[in-house]
Amino acid sequence: MDEINMQQIVATRSAKTFEELHVFKQARSVIHEIYRFTQVGPCSKDLAFVNQIRRSALSIVSNIAEGFERGSDIEFARFLFIARGSCGEMRAQLLIALDQNYLGKEQHDALAAKAKEIGTGLTRLAAYLKSTARKNGRLPSRTANSSTQ
């Protein structure tokens, strides 16, 4: 794992809320971009598409939040993998947006790259959580360390 990703994981261990997580912030930023491009142009008239791509983007942040709030490494990792699936769904929908000329190639490539980065972050964080899960599945930073800070 590179140094930046390790720093993000260490920051995750000390996070007291899901809003502090780097991957959550990244996903939230992408939602903003998804909403922006689906509000105007020909895309805005394709209500089924708009609904589906927004739902997949919302699912990413929602699963990060729900998993974090579960309070166990194993549960959090499970929800991160669900979020990763939603991230893949969003990337597929971005390809459809490109094919339908709802997005230009440059905008598509930028959003797809961000989605891939989020997906990679979700996978790495989930793998780390699963590898360090204690027998009882609790996250030490949210139980033991929260009273010392």
C-alpha atoms as a PDB file:
ATOM      1  CA  MET A   1       0.000   0.000   0.000  1.00  0.00           C
ATOM      2  CA  ASP A   2       1.344   3.414  -0.821  1.00  0.00           C
ATOM      3  CA  GLU A   3       1.944   6.060   1.819  1.00  0.00           C
ATOM      4  CA  ILE A   4      -1.120   8.177   0.972  1.00  0.00           C
ATOM      5  CA  ASN A   5      -3.490   5.219   1.231  1.00  0.00           C
ATOM      6  CA  MET A   6      -1.931   4.170   4.533  1.00  0.00           C
ATOM      7  CA  GLN A   7      -2.411   7.715   5.854  1.00  0.00           C
ATOM      8  CA  GLN A   8      -6.068   7.548   4.807  1.00  0.00           C
ATOM      9  CA  ILE A   9      -6.489   4.228   6.620  1.00  0.00           C
ATOM     10  CA  VAL A  10      -4.839   5.603   9.759  1.00  0.00           C
ATOM     11  CA  ALA A  11      -7.173   8.603   9.508  1.00  0.00           C
ATOM     12  CA  THR A  12     -10.090   6.171   9.205  1.00  0.00           C
ATOM     13  CA  ARG A  13      -9.070   4.494  12.432  1.00  0.00           C
ATOM     14  CA  SER A  14      -9.231   7.826  14.249  1.00  0.00           C
ATOM     15  CA  ALA A  15     -12.438   9.026  12.539  1.00  0.00           C
ATOM     16  CA  LYS A  16     -15.298   9.530  14.950  1.00  0.00           C
ATOM     17  CA  THR A  17     -17.876  10.095  12.204  1.00  0.00           C
ATOM     18  CA  PHE A  18     -18.263   8.795   8.671  1.00  0.00           C
ATOM     19  CA  GLU A  19     -18.139  12.387   7.417  1.00  0.00           C
ATOM     20  CA  GLU A  20     -14.443  12.452   8.339  1.00  0.00           C
ATOM     21  CA  LEU A  21     -13.591   9.552   6.021  1.00  0.00           C
ATOM     22  CA  HIS A  22     -11.619  10.487   2.909  1.00  0.00           C
ATOM     23  CA  VAL A  23     -13.514   8.034   0.710  1.00  0.00           C
ATOM     24  CA  PHE A  24     -16.836   9.468   1.925  1.00  0.00           C
ATOM     25  CA  LYS A  25     -15.692  12.982   1.029  1.00  0.00           C
ATOM     26  CA  GLN A  26     -14.618  11.802  -2.439  1.00  0.00           C
ATOM     27  CA  ALA A  27     -17.953  10.072  -3.070  1.00  0.00           C
ATOM     28  CA  ARG A  28     -19.900  13.087  -1.832  1.00  0.00           C
ATOM     29  CA  SER A  29     -18.005  15.301  -4.256  1.00  0.00           C
ATOM     30  CA  VAL A  30     -18.878  13.002  -7.170  1.00  0.00           C
ATOM     31  CA  ILE A  31     -22.568  13.114  -6.206  1.00  0.00           C
ATOM     32  CA  HIS A  32     -22.422  16.883  -6.551  1.00  0.00           C
ATOM     33  CA  GLU A  33     -21.014  16.508 -10.075  1.00  0.00           C
ATOM     34  CA  ILE A  34     -23.599  13.852 -10.989  1.00  0.00           C
ATOM     35  CA  TYR A  35     -26.451  16.092  -9.849  1.00  0.00           C
ATOM     36  CA  ARG A  36     -24.992  19.046 -11.725  1.00  0.00           C
ATOM     37  CA  PHE A  37     -24.731  17.285 -15.086  1.00  0.00           C
ATOM     38  CA  THR A  38     -28.138  15.586 -14.745  1.00  0.00           C
ATOM     39  CA  GLN A  39     -29.964  18.869 -14.088  1.00  0.00           C
ATOM     40  CA  VAL A  40     -29.348  20.372 -17.532  1.00  0.00           C
ATOM     41  CA  GLY A  41     -29.173  19.387 -21.168  1.00  0.00           C
ATOM     42  CA  PRO A  42     -30.663  16.365 -22.902  1.00  0.00           C
ATOM     43  CA  CYS A  43     -29.837  14.132 -19.950  1.00  0.00           C
ATOM     44  CA  SER A  44     -32.288  15.997 -17.715  1.00  0.00           C
ATOM     45  CA  LYS A  45     -35.190  14.794 -19.861  1.00  0.00           C
ATOM     46  CA  ASP A  46     -34.257  11.108 -19.488  1.00  0.00           C
ATOM     47  CA  LEU A  47     -35.865  10.707 -16.089  1.00  0.00           C
ATOM     48  CA  ALA A  48     -35.190   6.965 -15.801  1.00  0.00           C
ATOM     49  CA  PHE A  49     -31.486   7.500 -16.458  1.00  0.00           C
ATOM     50  CA  VAL A  50     -31.262  10.507 -14.119  1.00  0.00           C
ATOM     51  CA  ASN A  51     -32.968   8.559 -11.350  1.00  0.00           C
ATOM     52  CA  GLN A  52     -30.741   5.510 -11.797  1.00  0.00           C
ATOM     53  CA  ILE A  53     -27.371   7.289 -11.888  1.00  0.00           C
ATOM     54  CA  ARG A  54     -28.322   9.451  -8.920  1.00  0.00           C
ATOM     55  CA  ARG A  55     -29.458   6.402  -6.956  1.00  0.00           C
ATOM     56  CA  SER A  56     -26.204   4.564  -7.619  1.00  0.00           C
ATOM     57  CA  ALA A  57     -24.153   7.603  -6.548  1.00  0.00           C
ATOM     58  CA  LEU A  58     -26.293   8.069  -3.432  1.00  0.00           C
ATOM     59  CA  SER A  59     -25.923   4.389  -2.611  1.00  0.00           C
ATOM     60  CA  ILE A  60     -22.148   4.770  -2.369  1.00  0.00           C
ATOM     61  CA  VAL A  61     -22.232   7.384   0.397  1.00  0.00           C
ATOM     62  CA  SER A  62     -25.234   5.774   2.084  1.00  0.00           C
ATOM     63  CA  ASN A  63     -23.482   2.412   2.394  1.00  0.00           C
ATOM     64  CA  ILE A  64     -20.291   4.013   3.680  1.00  0.00           C
ATOM     65  CA  ALA A  65     -22.319   5.817   6.348  1.00  0.00           C
ATOM     66  CA  GLU A  66     -24.427   2.811   7.311  1.00  0.00           C
ATOM     67  CA  GLY A  67     -21.430   0.498   7.508  1.00  0.00           C
ATOM     68  CA  PHE A  68     -19.458   2.940   9.631  1.00  0.00           C
ATOM     69  CA  GLU A  69     -22.346   3.315  12.054  1.00  0.00           C
ATOM     70  CA  ARG A  70     -22.572  -0.458  12.531  1.00  0.00           C
ATOM     71  CA  GLY A  71     -19.462  -0.231  14.736  1.00  0.00           C
ATOM     72  CA  SER A  72     -17.747  -3.433  13.621  1.00  0.00           C
ATOM     73  CA  ASP A  73     -14.911  -3.996  11.186  1.00  0.00           C
ATOM     74  CA  ILE A  74     -16.638  -6.931   9.538  1.00  0.00           C
ATOM     75  CA  GLU A  75     -19.959  -5.118   9.045  1.00  0.00           C
ATOM     76  CA  PHE A  76     -18.223  -1.947   7.862  1.00  0.00           C
ATOM     77  CA  ALA A  77     -16.188  -3.943   5.341  1.00  0.00           C
ATOM     78  CA  ARG A  78     -19.357  -5.652   4.066  1.00  0.00           C
ATOM     79  CA  PHE A  79     -21.037  -2.295   3.462  1.00  0.00           C
ATOM     80  CA  LEU A  80     -17.894  -0.949   1.782  1.00  0.00           C
ATOM     81  CA  PHE A  81     -18.068  -3.824  -0.706  1.00  0.00           C
ATOM     82  CA  ILE A  82     -21.736  -2.988  -1.351  1.00  0.00           C
ATOM     83  CA  ALA A  83     -20.697   0.629  -1.939  1.00  0.00           C
ATOM     84  CA  ARG A  84     -18.039  -0.649  -4.345  1.00  0.00           C
ATOM     85  CA  GLY A  85     -20.754  -2.424  -6.332  1.00  0.00           C
ATOM     86  CA  SER A  86     -22.732   0.811  -6.533  1.00  0.00           C
ATOM     87  CA  CYS A  87     -19.580   2.553  -7.698  1.00  0.00           C
ATOM     88  CA  GLY A  88     -19.276   0.049 -10.545  1.00  0.00           C
ATOM     89  CA  GLU A  89     -22.925   0.608 -11.402  1.00  0.00           C
ATOM     90  CA  MET A  90     -22.318   4.356 -11.558  1.00  0.00           C
ATOM     91  CA  ARG A  91     -19.333   3.832 -13.877  1.00  0.00           C
ATOM     92  CA  ALA A  92     -21.515   1.745 -16.208  1.00  0.00           C
ATOM     93  CA  GLN A  93     -24.106   4.513 -16.241  1.00  0.00           C
ATOM     94  CA  LEU A  94     -21.411   7.061 -17.007  1.00  0.00           C
ATOM     95  CA  LEU A  95     -20.580   4.981 -20.098  1.00  0.00           C
ATOM     96  CA  ILE A  96     -24.240   5.087 -21.096  1.00  0.00           C
ATOM     97  CA  ALA A  97     -24.186   8.863 -20.587  1.00  0.00           C
ATOM     98  CA  LEU A  98     -21.195   9.049 -22.915  1.00  0.00           C
ATOM     99  CA  ASP A  99     -22.872   6.800 -25.497  1.00  0.00           C
ATOM    100  CA  GLN A 100     -26.038   8.921 -25.420  1.00  0.00           C
ATOM    101  CA  ASN A 101     -24.042  12.170 -25.676  1.00  0.00           C
ATOM    102  CA  TYR A 102     -25.209  13.294 -22.244  1.00  0.00           C
ATOM    103  CA  LEU A 103     -21.538  13.801 -21.356  1.00  0.00           C
ATOM    104  CA  GLY A 104     -18.539  14.767 -23.414  1.00  0.00           C
ATOM    105  CA  LYS A 105     -15.553  12.422 -23.421  1.00  0.00           C
ATOM    106  CA  GLU A 106     -13.477  14.697 -21.201  1.00  0.00           C
ATOM    107  CA  GLN A 107     -16.206  15.032 -18.566  1.00  0.00           C
ATOM    108  CA  HIS A 108     -16.898  11.295 -18.714  1.00  0.00           C
ATOM    109  CA  ASP A 109     -13.225  10.415 -18.331  1.00  0.00           C
ATOM    110  CA  ALA A 110     -12.840  12.756 -15.353  1.00  0.00           C
ATOM    111  CA  LEU A 111     -15.887  11.340 -13.561  1.00  0.00           C
ATOM    112  CA  ALA A 112     -14.970   7.734 -14.415  1.00  0.00           C
ATOM    113  CA  ALA A 113     -11.447   8.268 -13.060  1.00  0.00           C
ATOM    114  CA  LYS A 114     -12.865   9.636  -9.800  1.00  0.00           C
ATOM    115  CA  ALA A 115     -15.239   6.676  -9.580  1.00  0.00           C
ATOM    116  CA  LYS A 116     -12.349   4.239 -10.098  1.00  0.00           C
ATOM    117  CA  GLU A 117     -10.358   5.997  -7.380  1.00  0.00           C
ATOM    118  CA  ILE A 118     -13.311   5.750  -5.003  1.00  0.00           C
ATOM    119  CA  GLY A 119     -13.752   2.071  -5.854  1.00  0.00           C
ATOM    120  CA  THR A 120     -10.095   1.377  -5.192  1.00  0.00           C
ATOM    121  CA  GLY A 121     -10.270   3.248  -1.888  1.00  0.00           C
ATOM    122  CA  LEU A 122     -13.345   1.271  -0.847  1.00  0.00           C
ATOM    123  CA  THR A 123     -11.667  -2.031  -1.699  1.00  0.00           C
ATOM    124  CA  ARG A 124      -8.449  -1.201   0.133  1.00  0.00           C
ATOM    125  CA  LEU A 125     -10.246   0.047   3.212  1.00  0.00           C
ATOM    126  CA  ALA A 126     -12.521  -3.005   3.310  1.00  0.00           C
ATOM    127  CA  ALA A 127      -9.546  -5.359   2.904  1.00  0.00           C
ATOM    128  CA  TYR A 128      -7.689  -3.577   5.695  1.00  0.00           C
ATOM    129  CA  LEU A 129     -10.699  -3.739   8.004  1.00  0.00           C
ATOM    130  CA  LYS A 130     -11.221  -7.436   7.326  1.00  0.00           C
ATOM    131  CA  SER A 131      -7.538  -8.202   7.907  1.00  0.00           C
ATOM    132  CA  THR A 132      -7.446  -6.388  11.243  1.00  0.00           C
ATOM    133  CA  ALA A 133     -10.869  -7.333  12.586  1.00  0.00           C
ATOM    134  CA  ARG A 134     -10.701  -8.497  16.150  1.00  0.00           C
ATOM    135  CA  LYS A 135     -12.450 -11.639  17.251  1.00  0.00           C
ATOM    136  CA  ASN A 136     -15.464  -9.656  18.484  1.00  0.00           C
ATOM    137  CA  GLY A 137     -15.483  -7.506  15.337  1.00  0.00           C
ATOM    138  CA  ARG A 138     -15.257  -4.167  17.159  1.00  0.00           C
ATOM    139  CA  LEU A 139     -13.289  -1.200  15.878  1.00  0.00           C
ATOM    140  CA  PRO A 140     -10.805  -0.234  18.605  1.00  0.00           C
ATOM    141  CA  SER A 141     -10.674   3.415  17.547  1.00  0.00           C
ATOM    142  CA  ARG A 142     -14.390   3.904  18.120  1.00  0.00           C
ATOM    143  CA  THR A 143     -14.501   2.131  21.439  1.00  0.00           C
ATOM    144  CA  ALA A 144     -11.208   2.260  23.333  1.00  0.00           C
ATOM    145  CA  ASN A 145      -9.651   5.380  21.798  1.00  0.00           C
ATOM    146  CA  SER A 146     -12.753   7.581  21.773  1.00  0.00           C
ATOM    147  CA  SER A 147     -12.655   7.925  25.559  1.00  0.00           C
ATOM    148  CA  THR A 148      -9.001   8.993  25.545  1.00  0.00           C
ATOM    149  CA  GLN A 149      -9.332  11.796  23.003  1.00  0.00           C
END
